[in-house]
Amino acid sequence: MGLTARRTKGLHKLTARTMVVALGVTVLSALGAEQANAATITVGARSLESVNRAGQYLRHMDYLGRIDPISSSSSATAKADATFTVAPGLAGGTNCVSFQATDGRWLRHLDFRLGTALNTGTATFLADATFCVRDGASGQVRLESFNYPGRFIRHRNNELWLEPSTVNPNT
């Protein structure tokens, strides 16, 4: 999954290149613009916009991860469902993160389908809810599963899945 992190006032962004979800992240901040390293995501509240589907953001609906159009005219619920707090990876790991939804649930994979769930504290849950930031194309980063190396967050038919990468991160 490709990601770039930068600070600006306004809405946060997630991106996807081809089918691999690539995240472009902006943070609500009064500090102005600040570019981060490609393979870094800083902690804090974010909305993540798809790269290949402009205006569509990672969100959860009925506890399932997906990408959907979100705009200033979207409902408050849709906007909240498209906002996540980036936290250090629940299972640890170098340069790994976890995503907590505004309802307190965590983005995790279960049978390779992404959704949100309450933190059970088990080793399996912590690993399923941890994603390691990897270099992607053009200053983006990709999100790789902590416990299934080689599988990245991707979108298919607007649903989020954990799948092997078919995209060369350098193209």
Protein backbone atom coordinates (compact mmCIF):
# COMPACT_ATOMS: atom_id res chain seq x y z
CA MET A 1 0.00 0.00 0.00
CA GLY A 2 1.48 3.33 -0.91
CA LEU A 3 1.38 6.22 1.52
CA THR A 4 2.79 9.68 1.90
CA ALA A 5 2.45 11.68 5.07
CA ARG A 6 2.25 15.45 5.27
CA ARG A 7 0.63 18.00 7.53
CA THR A 8 -1.91 20.51 6.21
CA LYS A 9 -5.16 22.06 7.35
CA GLY A 10 -8.11 20.09 6.07
CA LEU A 11 -9.10 16.56 5.17
CA HIS A 12 -6.75 13.55 5.39
CA LYS A 13 -6.23 11.29 2.40
CA LEU A 14 -5.81 7.55 1.50
CA THR A 15 -4.70 6.52 -1.96
CA ALA A 16 -4.58 3.41 -4.15
CA ARG A 17 -2.36 2.75 -7.16
CA THR A 18 -3.92 0.12 -9.52
CA MET A 19 -5.53 -2.27 -7.04
CA VAL A 20 -2.98 -1.77 -4.26
CA VAL A 21 -4.26 0.70 -1.72
CA ALA A 22 -1.77 3.51 -1.53
CA LEU A 23 -2.29 6.02 1.19
CA GLY A 24 -1.70 9.75 0.96
CA VAL A 25 -2.18 11.21 4.39
CA THR A 26 -2.78 14.77 5.44
CA VAL A 27 -3.36 15.78 9.03
CA LEU A 28 -5.64 18.40 10.52
CA SER A 29 -3.13 20.78 11.98
CA ALA A 30 -2.45 24.45 12.42
CA LEU A 31 1.24 23.85 11.70
CA GLY A 32 1.10 24.16 7.90
CA ALA A 33 2.67 21.82 5.34
CA GLU A 34 5.43 19.45 6.37
CA GLN A 35 6.58 16.58 4.12
CA ALA A 36 7.52 13.29 5.83
CA ASN A 37 9.60 10.39 4.56
CA ALA A 38 7.77 8.14 2.08
CA ALA A 39 7.79 5.07 4.31
CA THR A 40 6.46 6.88 7.37
CA ILE A 41 3.00 7.54 8.73
CA THR A 42 2.79 9.75 11.78
CA VAL A 43 0.27 9.06 14.52
CA GLY A 44 -2.95 11.06 14.74
CA ALA A 45 -6.37 11.36 13.11
CA ARG A 46 -6.45 10.71 9.36
CA SER A 47 -8.81 10.19 6.45
CA LEU A 48 -7.28 8.03 3.74
CA GLU A 49 -8.12 8.69 0.08
CA SER A 50 -7.77 6.19 -2.77
CA VAL A 51 -5.13 7.23 -5.33
CA ASN A 52 -6.88 5.70 -8.32
CA ARG A 53 -10.37 6.72 -7.22
CA ALA A 54 -10.19 10.38 -6.30
CA GLY A 55 -12.72 11.44 -3.67
CA GLN A 56 -13.16 7.88 -2.37
CA TYR A 57 -11.92 7.25 1.15
CA LEU A 58 -11.18 4.22 3.28
CA ARG A 59 -14.07 3.78 5.68
CA HIS A 60 -15.99 1.16 7.56
CA MET A 61 -19.64 0.46 7.05
CA ASP A 62 -21.41 -2.25 9.04
CA TYR A 63 -17.93 -3.05 10.41
CA LEU A 64 -16.51 -3.91 6.96
CA GLY A 65 -13.63 -2.01 5.39
CA ARG A 66 -14.29 -0.38 2.03
CA ILE A 67 -13.69 2.77 -0.02
CA ASP A 68 -16.58 5.14 -0.71
CA PRO A 69 -17.08 8.70 -1.97
CA ILE A 70 -16.83 11.19 0.91
CA SER A 71 -17.30 14.91 0.39
CA SER A 72 -18.23 18.03 2.33
CA SER A 73 -21.89 17.16 1.68
CA SER A 74 -21.56 13.62 3.12
CA SER A 75 -23.37 12.83 6.35
CA ALA A 76 -21.59 13.27 9.67
CA THR A 77 -21.74 9.48 10.11
CA ALA A 78 -20.03 8.84 6.76
CA LYS A 79 -17.31 11.37 7.60
CA ALA A 80 -16.77 9.78 11.02
CA ASP A 81 -16.63 6.30 9.44
CA ALA A 82 -13.87 7.60 7.14
CA THR A 83 -11.70 8.95 9.98
CA PHE A 84 -9.12 6.77 11.71
CA THR A 85 -6.53 7.49 14.36
CA VAL A 86 -3.13 6.12 13.38
CA ALA A 87 -1.42 4.53 16.40
CA PRO A 88 1.83 2.63 16.87
CA GLY A 89 1.33 -0.99 15.78
CA LEU A 90 -0.60 -2.96 18.40
CA ALA A 91 1.67 -5.98 17.84
CA GLY A 92 4.83 -3.85 17.75
CA GLY A 93 7.21 -4.12 14.83
CA THR A 94 9.51 -1.62 13.21
CA ASN A 95 7.60 1.14 11.39
CA CYS A 96 4.23 -0.60 11.92
CA VAL A 97 0.90 1.10 12.65
CA SER A 98 -2.68 0.31 13.62
CA PHE A 99 -5.85 2.23 12.74
CA GLN A 100 -8.57 2.96 15.31
CA ALA A 101 -12.00 4.08 14.09
CA THR A 102 -13.88 6.87 15.85
CA ASP A 103 -16.20 4.25 17.42
CA GLY A 104 -13.19 2.68 19.23
CA ARG A 105 -12.93 -0.37 16.99
CA TRP A 106 -9.71 -1.26 15.17
CA LEU A 107 -9.15 -1.97 11.47
CA ARG A 108 -8.06 -5.60 11.20
CA HIS A 109 -8.14 -8.48 8.78
CA LEU A 110 -10.00 -11.70 9.39
CA ASP A 111 -9.73 -14.35 6.68
CA PHE A 112 -8.05 -11.63 4.58
CA ARG A 113 -11.17 -9.36 4.60
CA LEU A 114 -10.68 -6.03 6.35
CA GLY A 115 -13.19 -4.75 8.85
CA THR A 116 -13.34 -3.17 12.28
CA ALA A 117 -13.60 -4.99 15.59
CA LEU A 118 -13.13 -4.37 19.30
CA ASN A 119 -9.64 -5.09 20.62
CA THR A 120 -9.76 -8.49 22.33
CA GLY A 121 -6.13 -8.20 23.43
CA THR A 122 -5.23 -11.62 22.02
CA ALA A 123 -1.94 -12.03 20.16
CA THR A 124 -3.90 -12.94 17.01
CA PHE A 125 -6.05 -9.80 17.17
CA LEU A 126 -3.04 -7.54 17.79
CA ALA A 127 -1.19 -9.05 14.81
CA ASP A 128 -4.30 -8.88 12.56
CA ALA A 129 -4.68 -5.15 13.40
CA THR A 130 -1.03 -4.23 12.70
CA PHE A 131 0.23 -3.08 9.30
CA CYS A 132 3.84 -2.29 8.44
CA VAL A 133 4.60 0.75 6.32
CA ARG A 134 6.60 -0.13 3.20
CA ASP A 135 7.97 1.96 0.36
CA GLY A 136 5.68 2.29 -2.64
CA ALA A 137 5.81 4.06 -5.97
CA SER A 138 6.26 7.81 -6.44
CA GLY A 139 6.74 8.73 -2.78
CA GLN A 140 3.82 6.56 -1.67
CA VAL A 141 3.91 3.80 0.89
CA ARG A 142 2.08 0.49 1.05
CA LEU A 143 0.62 -1.22 4.12
CA GLU A 144 1.79 -4.81 4.57
CA SER A 145 0.23 -7.26 7.00
CA PHE A 146 2.31 -7.75 10.15
CA ASN A 147 1.48 -11.45 10.39
CA TYR A 148 1.19 -12.25 6.66
CA PRO A 149 4.30 -10.74 5.04
CA GLY A 150 3.83 -10.13 1.32
CA ARG A 151 0.10 -9.36 1.69
CA PHE A 152 -0.96 -5.73 1.39
CA ILE A 153 -4.21 -3.80 1.87
CA ARG A 154 -5.94 -3.60 -1.52
CA HIS A 155 -9.40 -2.66 -2.71
CA ARG A 156 -11.52 -4.82 -4.96
CA ASN A 157 -15.06 -3.77 -5.91
CA ASN A 158 -14.81 -1.07 -3.21
CA GLU A 159 -14.14 -3.71 -0.52
CA LEU A 160 -10.82 -3.89 1.36
CA TRP A 161 -8.85 -7.13 1.27
CA LEU A 162 -5.44 -8.33 2.33
CA GLU A 163 -3.87 -9.71 -0.85
CA PRO A 164 -0.47 -10.49 -2.31
CA SER A 165 1.00 -7.55 -4.15
CA THR A 166 0.82 -7.78 -7.93
CA VAL A 167 2.31 -4.33 -8.36
CA ASN A 168 6.01 -3.58 -8.40
CA PRO A 169 6.41 -0.82 -5.79
CA ASN A 170 9.03 0.85 -8.00
CA THR A 171 6.72 1.33 -11.02
